[in-house]
Amino acid sequence: MSIYNSANTMVFSEVLNNVSSFNRPYNFSELAEGEYTIILESKNGKQLEKVNYIKNKATMLINMEEVANTENKYLLNLTSNEEGSVSVKIYTANNALLHEEQVSVNGRVGVIYNLKQVKSSTDSVTFEISTSNGKVERVTF
C-alpha cells in the first residue's frame, strides 16, 4: 500500500503480509492539503483511489440571548474547535461604546453581561462579536 502526493512523490508506504482483507485508518494531519493517490497492489492486481485532503478549518459558534426571567442580563455562549479569542463590544442605542473586552475561547465558554446599571427597560443595546478570522455578528436587544 502506498500513498503519493500531487507531485507523484511517495509520502507513505507499508507492506501487509498474508492478509485477505483489511480496514485501516490513515492520518493525513501532518500532510499538506491537496490531492493524494492511494495505490493498493497485490498478487491479484492493482487498485488506485484518489482522495482530496482538506484540513479541518477553525469554527467559532456564537450564540447571544437574554437570560430568562431576568432583566437586562445577557448570555454569550462561544464554542470553538481550536483555541482563539473574540472581541466583544456593547453599544447603546446611540452607538456609544459601553463596554469592550477580549474573551478567550478553548472549547466552550459562557459569559453573562449584567447591564442593569446602564440600561433601562426601554433602551436597546447592541452586542458586536468579532472573531479573529473576520466574522462579525451583531445582536440588538
N, C-alpha and C. Protein backbone atom coordinates (compact mmCIF):
# COMPACT_ATOMS: atom_id res chain seq x y z
N MET A 1 0.86 -1.16 0.00
CA MET A 1 0.00 0.00 0.00
C MET A 1 0.90 1.22 0.00
N SER A 2 0.63 2.18 -0.89
CA SER A 2 1.44 3.40 -1.00
C SER A 2 0.53 4.61 -1.16
N ILE A 3 0.98 5.74 -0.64
CA ILE A 3 0.25 7.00 -0.81
C ILE A 3 1.21 8.00 -1.46
N TYR A 4 0.73 8.65 -2.53
CA TYR A 4 1.52 9.62 -3.28
C TYR A 4 0.83 10.98 -3.24
N ASN A 5 1.62 12.05 -3.17
CA ASN A 5 1.05 13.40 -3.23
C ASN A 5 0.84 13.81 -4.69
N SER A 6 0.39 15.06 -4.90
CA SER A 6 0.07 15.52 -6.26
C SER A 6 1.31 15.65 -7.14
N ALA A 7 2.51 15.70 -6.54
CA ALA A 7 3.76 15.75 -7.31
C ALA A 7 4.28 14.35 -7.60
N ASN A 8 3.46 13.34 -7.30
CA ASN A 8 3.79 11.93 -7.52
C ASN A 8 4.98 11.48 -6.66
N THR A 9 5.12 12.09 -5.49
CA THR A 9 6.15 11.69 -4.52
C THR A 9 5.49 10.81 -3.47
N MET A 10 6.11 9.67 -3.17
CA MET A 10 5.55 8.77 -2.16
C MET A 10 5.70 9.41 -0.78
N VAL A 11 4.58 9.52 -0.05
CA VAL A 11 4.61 10.10 1.29
C VAL A 11 4.41 9.05 2.38
N PHE A 12 3.96 7.86 1.98
CA PHE A 12 3.76 6.78 2.95
C PHE A 12 3.71 5.47 2.19
N SER A 13 4.23 4.42 2.84
CA SER A 13 4.18 3.09 2.25
C SER A 13 4.23 2.06 3.37
N GLU A 14 3.53 0.97 3.18
CA GLU A 14 3.62 -0.14 4.12
C GLU A 14 3.32 -1.44 3.40
N VAL A 15 3.84 -2.53 3.95
CA VAL A 15 3.62 -3.86 3.38
C VAL A 15 2.83 -4.66 4.39
N LEU A 16 1.74 -5.24 3.93
CA LEU A 16 0.92 -6.12 4.76
C LEU A 16 1.04 -7.53 4.18
N ASN A 17 1.44 -8.48 4.99
CA ASN A 17 1.63 -9.85 4.53
C ASN A 17 0.51 -10.76 5.00
N ASN A 18 0.15 -11.72 4.16
CA ASN A 18 -0.83 -12.77 4.50
C ASN A 18 -2.15 -12.18 4.99
N VAL A 19 -2.66 -11.21 4.25
CA VAL A 19 -3.91 -10.54 4.62
C VAL A 19 -4.91 -10.74 3.48
N SER A 20 -6.09 -11.26 3.82
CA SER A 20 -7.10 -11.43 2.78
C SER A 20 -7.95 -10.16 2.63
N SER A 21 -8.05 -9.39 3.71
CA SER A 21 -8.75 -8.10 3.67
C SER A 21 -8.28 -7.28 4.87
N PHE A 22 -8.47 -5.95 4.79
CA PHE A 22 -8.10 -5.11 5.93
C PHE A 22 -8.88 -3.81 5.88
N ASN A 23 -9.00 -3.21 7.03
CA ASN A 23 -9.64 -1.91 7.20
C ASN A 23 -8.70 -1.10 8.08
N ARG A 24 -8.20 0.01 7.55
CA ARG A 24 -7.16 0.74 8.28
C ARG A 24 -7.35 2.24 8.08
N PRO A 25 -7.36 3.02 9.19
CA PRO A 25 -7.41 4.48 9.05
C PRO A 25 -6.02 5.03 8.75
N TYR A 26 -5.97 6.09 7.98
CA TYR A 26 -4.71 6.79 7.69
C TYR A 26 -4.87 8.25 8.07
N ASN A 27 -3.87 8.77 8.77
CA ASN A 27 -3.90 10.12 9.29
C ASN A 27 -3.12 11.05 8.37
N PHE A 28 -3.81 12.00 7.76
CA PHE A 28 -3.19 12.95 6.85
C PHE A 28 -2.85 14.28 7.53
N SER A 29 -3.05 14.40 8.84
CA SER A 29 -2.97 15.69 9.52
C SER A 29 -1.61 16.36 9.41
N GLU A 30 -0.54 15.61 9.22
CA GLU A 30 0.80 16.21 9.10
C GLU A 30 1.15 16.53 7.64
N LEU A 31 0.24 16.23 6.72
CA LEU A 31 0.48 16.46 5.30
C LEU A 31 -0.18 17.76 4.85
N ALA A 32 0.28 18.29 3.75
CA ALA A 32 -0.32 19.49 3.16
C ALA A 32 -1.68 19.14 2.55
N GLU A 33 -2.54 20.13 2.47
CA GLU A 33 -3.81 19.93 1.78
C GLU A 33 -3.54 19.63 0.31
N GLY A 34 -4.41 18.84 -0.29
CA GLY A 34 -4.26 18.55 -1.70
C GLY A 34 -4.76 17.17 -2.07
N GLU A 35 -4.53 16.81 -3.32
CA GLU A 35 -4.98 15.51 -3.82
C GLU A 35 -3.89 14.47 -3.61
N TYR A 36 -4.29 13.32 -3.12
CA TYR A 36 -3.39 12.20 -2.89
C TYR A 36 -3.93 10.97 -3.62
N THR A 37 -2.99 10.12 -4.03
CA THR A 37 -3.35 8.87 -4.70
C THR A 37 -2.94 7.72 -3.79
N ILE A 38 -3.90 6.85 -3.52
CA ILE A 38 -3.64 5.66 -2.70
C ILE A 38 -3.62 4.47 -3.66
N ILE A 39 -2.53 3.71 -3.61
CA ILE A 39 -2.37 2.56 -4.51
C ILE A 39 -2.22 1.31 -3.65
N LEU A 40 -3.07 0.35 -3.93
CA LEU A 40 -3.02 -0.95 -3.24
C LEU A 40 -2.66 -1.99 -4.28
N GLU A 41 -1.54 -2.66 -4.08
CA GLU A 41 -1.08 -3.68 -5.01
C GLU A 41 -1.06 -5.03 -4.31
N SER A 42 -1.53 -6.04 -5.03
CA SER A 42 -1.49 -7.41 -4.53
C SER A 42 -1.23 -8.35 -5.71
N LYS A 43 -1.16 -9.62 -5.41
CA LYS A 43 -0.94 -10.60 -6.49
C LYS A 43 -2.13 -10.63 -7.44
N ASN A 44 -3.27 -10.11 -7.01
CA ASN A 44 -4.48 -10.10 -7.85
C ASN A 44 -4.61 -8.83 -8.70
N GLY A 45 -3.71 -7.89 -8.53
CA GLY A 45 -3.77 -6.68 -9.33
C GLY A 45 -3.50 -5.42 -8.52
N LYS A 46 -3.90 -4.31 -9.09
CA LYS A 46 -3.61 -3.00 -8.53
C LYS A 46 -4.89 -2.19 -8.47
N GLN A 47 -5.15 -1.53 -7.33
CA GLN A 47 -6.29 -0.63 -7.19
C GLN A 47 -5.76 0.76 -6.88
N LEU A 48 -6.41 1.76 -7.45
CA LEU A 48 -5.98 3.14 -7.30
C LEU A 48 -7.18 3.96 -6.84
N GLU A 49 -6.97 4.80 -5.84
CA GLU A 49 -8.04 5.67 -5.34
C GLU A 49 -7.45 7.05 -5.11
N LYS A 50 -8.14 8.08 -5.60
CA LYS A 50 -7.71 9.47 -5.37
C LYS A 50 -8.56 10.06 -4.27
N VAL A 51 -7.91 10.80 -3.35
CA VAL A 51 -8.61 11.48 -2.27
C VAL A 51 -8.14 12.92 -2.22
N ASN A 52 -9.04 13.81 -1.85
CA ASN A 52 -8.71 15.22 -1.70
C ASN A 52 -8.71 15.52 -0.20
N TYR A 53 -7.54 15.84 0.33
CA TYR A 53 -7.41 16.10 1.75
C TYR A 53 -7.52 17.59 2.03
N ILE A 54 -8.46 17.96 2.93
CA ILE A 54 -8.64 19.34 3.37
C ILE A 54 -8.59 19.34 4.89
N LYS A 55 -7.72 20.16 5.45
CA LYS A 55 -7.59 20.23 6.91
C LYS A 55 -8.85 20.81 7.51
N ASN A 56 -9.14 20.37 8.73
CA ASN A 56 -10.28 20.93 9.44
C ASN A 56 -10.05 22.41 9.65
N LYS A 57 -11.03 23.19 9.32
CA LYS A 57 -10.95 24.64 9.50
C LYS A 57 -11.47 25.01 10.88
N ALA A 58 -10.92 26.08 11.41
CA ALA A 58 -11.39 26.58 12.69
C ALA A 58 -12.82 27.07 12.56
N THR A 59 -13.64 26.69 13.51
CA THR A 59 -15.02 27.17 13.52
C THR A 59 -15.33 27.78 14.89
N MET A 60 -16.08 28.85 14.86
CA MET A 60 -16.50 29.51 16.09
C MET A 60 -18.01 29.68 16.02
N LEU A 61 -18.72 29.05 16.93
CA LEU A 61 -20.17 29.19 17.03
C LEU A 61 -20.46 30.24 18.08
N ILE A 62 -21.32 31.19 17.72
CA ILE A 62 -21.66 32.30 18.60
C ILE A 62 -23.16 32.29 18.85
N ASN A 63 -23.55 32.33 20.12
CA ASN A 63 -24.96 32.40 20.47
C ASN A 63 -25.12 33.48 21.55
N MET A 64 -25.99 34.44 21.28
CA MET A 64 -26.23 35.55 22.21
C MET A 64 -27.72 35.58 22.52
N GLU A 65 -28.08 35.61 23.80
CA GLU A 65 -29.51 35.61 24.16
C GLU A 65 -29.73 36.30 25.49
N GLU A 66 -30.96 36.71 25.71
CA GLU A 66 -31.34 37.28 27.00
C GLU A 66 -31.45 36.13 28.01
N VAL A 67 -31.01 36.39 29.24
CA VAL A 67 -31.15 35.38 30.28
C VAL A 67 -32.60 35.36 30.71
N ALA A 68 -33.20 34.18 30.73
CA ALA A 68 -34.62 34.02 31.05
C ALA A 68 -34.92 34.49 32.48
N ASN A 69 -36.07 35.09 32.64
CA ASN A 69 -36.59 35.52 33.94
C ASN A 69 -35.68 36.53 34.66
N THR A 70 -34.95 37.32 33.89
CA THR A 70 -34.13 38.38 34.48
C THR A 70 -34.33 39.64 33.64
N GLU A 71 -33.86 40.74 34.17
CA GLU A 71 -33.96 41.99 33.42
C GLU A 71 -32.56 42.51 33.13
N ASN A 72 -32.29 42.79 31.86
CA ASN A 72 -31.03 43.37 31.42
C ASN A 72 -29.80 42.50 31.66
N LYS A 73 -29.98 41.18 31.62
CA LYS A 73 -28.86 40.25 31.67
C LYS A 73 -28.84 39.47 30.37
N TYR A 74 -27.63 39.29 29.83
CA TYR A 74 -27.47 38.68 28.51
C TYR A 74 -26.37 37.62 28.57
N LEU A 75 -26.60 36.51 27.90
CA LEU A 75 -25.67 35.39 27.92
C LEU A 75 -25.03 35.23 26.54
N LEU A 76 -23.70 35.22 26.54
CA LEU A 76 -22.92 34.94 25.33
C LEU A 76 -22.32 33.56 25.48
N ASN A 77 -22.65 32.65 24.55
CA ASN A 77 -22.07 31.31 24.51
C ASN A 77 -21.18 31.21 23.29
N LEU A 78 -19.94 30.76 23.49
CA LEU A 78 -18.98 30.59 22.40
C LEU A 78 -18.48 29.15 22.40
N THR A 79 -18.42 28.55 21.23
CA THR A 79 -17.88 27.21 21.08
C THR A 79 -16.91 27.23 19.91
N SER A 80 -15.69 26.72 20.14
CA SER A 80 -14.67 26.71 19.11
C SER A 80 -13.96 25.37 19.09
N ASN A 81 -13.54 24.94 17.87
CA ASN A 81 -12.81 23.68 17.78
C ASN A 81 -11.30 23.89 17.91
N GLU A 82 -10.87 25.10 18.16
CA GLU A 82 -9.48 25.37 18.48
C GLU A 82 -9.38 26.63 19.33
N GLU A 83 -8.23 26.83 19.94
CA GLU A 83 -8.03 27.98 20.83
C GLU A 83 -8.06 29.28 20.04
N GLY A 84 -8.71 30.28 20.61
CA GLY A 84 -8.80 31.58 19.95
C GLY A 84 -9.41 32.60 20.87
N SER A 85 -9.79 33.73 20.31
CA SER A 85 -10.44 34.76 21.12
C SER A 85 -11.41 35.53 20.24
N VAL A 86 -12.33 36.21 20.89
CA VAL A 86 -13.27 37.09 20.20
C VAL A 86 -13.25 38.45 20.88
N SER A 87 -13.59 39.45 20.11
CA SER A 87 -13.74 40.80 20.63
C SER A 87 -15.23 41.03 20.86
N VAL A 88 -15.59 41.50 22.06
CA VAL A 88 -16.98 41.78 22.38
C VAL A 88 -17.10 43.28 22.65
N LYS A 89 -18.00 43.92 21.91
CA LYS A 89 -18.28 45.34 22.13
C LYS A 89 -19.78 45.48 22.36
N ILE A 90 -20.13 46.34 23.32
CA ILE A 90 -21.53 46.60 23.62
C ILE A 90 -21.78 48.09 23.39
N TYR A 91 -22.80 48.38 22.58
CA TYR A 91 -23.13 49.76 22.21
C TYR A 91 -24.52 50.14 22.71
N THR A 92 -24.70 51.43 23.01
CA THR A 92 -26.02 51.96 23.35
C THR A 92 -26.84 52.13 22.07
N ALA A 93 -28.09 52.52 22.24
CA ALA A 93 -28.95 52.78 21.07
C ALA A 93 -28.40 53.91 20.21
N ASN A 94 -27.61 54.81 20.81
CA ASN A 94 -26.99 55.93 20.08
C ASN A 94 -25.59 55.59 19.56
N ASN A 95 -25.24 54.30 19.56
CA ASN A 95 -23.93 53.81 19.11
C ASN A 95 -22.75 54.27 19.95
N ALA A 96 -23.00 54.62 21.21
CA ALA A 96 -21.89 54.92 22.12
C ALA A 96 -21.38 53.60 22.70
N LEU A 97 -20.07 53.45 22.76
CA LEU A 97 -19.47 52.22 23.27
C LEU A 97 -19.61 52.15 24.79
N LEU A 98 -20.30 51.12 25.27
CA LEU A 98 -20.48 50.90 26.71
C LEU A 98 -19.37 50.04 27.30
N HIS A 99 -18.96 49.02 26.55
CA HIS A 99 -18.03 48.03 27.09
C HIS A 99 -17.30 47.37 25.93
N GLU A 100 -16.02 47.02 26.19
CA GLU A 100 -15.23 46.30 25.20
C GLU A 100 -14.28 45.35 25.92
N GLU A 101 -14.18 44.11 25.42
CA GLU A 101 -13.26 43.15 26.01
C GLU A 101 -12.92 42.04 25.02
N GLN A 102 -11.82 41.34 25.30
CA GLN A 102 -11.43 40.16 24.55
C GLN A 102 -11.80 38.96 25.41
N VAL A 103 -12.43 37.95 24.80
CA VAL A 103 -12.81 36.73 25.50
C VAL A 103 -12.04 35.57 24.87
N SER A 104 -11.26 34.86 25.69
CA SER A 104 -10.51 33.70 25.22
C SER A 104 -11.42 32.48 25.16
N VAL A 105 -11.26 31.69 24.09
CA VAL A 105 -12.09 30.50 23.90
C VAL A 105 -11.18 29.32 23.59
N ASN A 106 -11.37 28.24 24.34
CA ASN A 106 -10.70 26.98 24.05
C ASN A 106 -11.70 25.88 24.36
N GLY A 107 -12.55 25.60 23.40
CA GLY A 107 -13.66 24.67 23.62
C GLY A 107 -14.95 25.47 23.76
N ARG A 108 -15.44 25.57 24.99
CA ARG A 108 -16.68 26.31 25.24
C ARG A 108 -16.48 27.32 26.35
N VAL A 109 -17.16 28.46 26.21
CA VAL A 109 -17.14 29.47 27.27
C VAL A 109 -18.48 30.21 27.25
N GLY A 110 -18.93 30.58 28.44
CA GLY A 110 -20.15 31.36 28.56
C GLY A 110 -19.87 32.59 29.43
N VAL A 111 -20.43 33.73 29.02
CA VAL A 111 -20.24 34.98 29.77
C VAL A 111 -21.61 35.63 29.93
N ILE A 112 -21.92 36.03 31.16
CA ILE A 112 -23.16 36.76 31.41
C ILE A 112 -22.83 38.23 31.59
N TYR A 113 -23.55 39.08 30.86
CA TYR A 113 -23.38 40.53 30.95
C TYR A 113 -24.60 41.09 31.68
N ASN A 114 -24.34 41.76 32.80
CA ASN A 114 -25.39 42.38 33.60
C ASN A 114 -25.37 43.87 33.29
N LEU A 115 -26.38 44.32 32.55
CA LEU A 115 -26.44 45.73 32.15
C LEU A 115 -27.50 46.50 32.94
N LYS A 116 -27.87 45.98 34.08
CA LYS A 116 -28.91 46.59 34.91
C LYS A 116 -28.58 48.03 35.29
N GLN A 117 -27.30 48.34 35.53
CA GLN A 117 -26.89 49.68 35.95
C GLN A 117 -26.82 50.67 34.80
N VAL A 118 -26.79 50.19 33.55
CA VAL A 118 -26.58 51.10 32.41
C VAL A 118 -27.70 51.08 31.38
N LYS A 119 -28.68 50.23 31.55
CA LYS A 119 -29.73 50.11 30.54
C LYS A 119 -31.10 50.11 31.20
N SER A 120 -31.99 50.96 30.70
CA SER A 120 -33.38 50.91 31.17
C SER A 120 -34.13 49.90 30.32
N SER A 121 -35.32 49.56 30.73
CA SER A 121 -36.09 48.54 30.01
C SER A 121 -36.54 49.02 28.64
N THR A 122 -36.51 50.32 28.39
CA THR A 122 -36.92 50.83 27.07
C THR A 122 -35.75 51.08 26.13
N ASP A 123 -34.54 51.13 26.67
CA ASP A 123 -33.35 51.33 25.83
C ASP A 123 -32.99 50.04 25.12
N SER A 124 -32.28 50.18 24.02
CA SER A 124 -31.75 48.99 23.35
C SER A 124 -30.23 49.00 23.48
N VAL A 125 -29.65 47.82 23.41
CA VAL A 125 -28.20 47.67 23.36
C VAL A 125 -27.88 46.74 22.21
N THR A 126 -26.69 46.93 21.65
CA THR A 126 -26.24 46.07 20.56
C THR A 126 -24.92 45.44 20.96
N PHE A 127 -24.86 44.13 20.83
CA PHE A 127 -23.63 43.38 21.06
C PHE A 127 -22.99 43.12 19.70
N GLU A 128 -21.70 43.43 19.60
CA GLU A 128 -20.94 43.14 18.39
C GLU A 128 -19.84 42.17 18.77
N ILE A 129 -19.88 40.97 18.18
CA ILE A 129 -18.90 39.92 18.48
C ILE A 129 -18.10 39.67 17.22
N SER A 130 -16.76 39.86 17.31
CA SER A 130 -15.87 39.70 16.15
C SER A 130 -14.86 38.60 16.43
N THR A 131 -14.71 37.68 15.48
CA THR A 131 -13.71 36.62 15.61
C THR A 131 -12.42 37.05 14.92
N SER A 132 -11.35 36.32 15.19
CA SER A 132 -10.05 36.65 14.60
C SER A 132 -10.01 36.42 13.10
N ASN A 133 -10.94 35.59 12.56
CA ASN A 133 -10.94 35.36 11.11
C ASN A 133 -11.89 36.29 10.37
N GLY A 134 -12.39 37.34 11.05
CA GLY A 134 -13.18 38.37 10.38
C GLY A 134 -14.69 38.22 10.46
N LYS A 135 -15.17 37.18 11.09
CA LYS A 135 -16.62 37.00 11.24
C LYS A 135 -17.13 38.00 12.28
N VAL A 136 -18.21 38.73 11.93
CA VAL A 136 -18.78 39.71 12.86
C VAL A 136 -20.27 39.44 12.97
N GLU A 137 -20.74 39.34 14.20
CA GLU A 137 -22.17 39.20 14.46
C GLU A 137 -22.63 40.34 15.34
N ARG A 138 -23.78 40.91 14.97
CA ARG A 138 -24.38 41.99 15.76
C ARG A 138 -25.78 41.55 16.18
N VAL A 139 -26.06 41.72 17.47
CA VAL A 139 -27.38 41.37 18.01
C VAL A 139 -27.85 42.53 18.84
N THR A 140 -29.08 42.97 18.57
CA THR A 140 -29.66 44.10 19.32
C THR A 140 -30.80 43.59 20.19
N PHE A 141 -30.82 44.05 21.43
CA PHE A 141 -31.88 43.69 22.39
C PHE A 141 -32.58 44.95 22.83
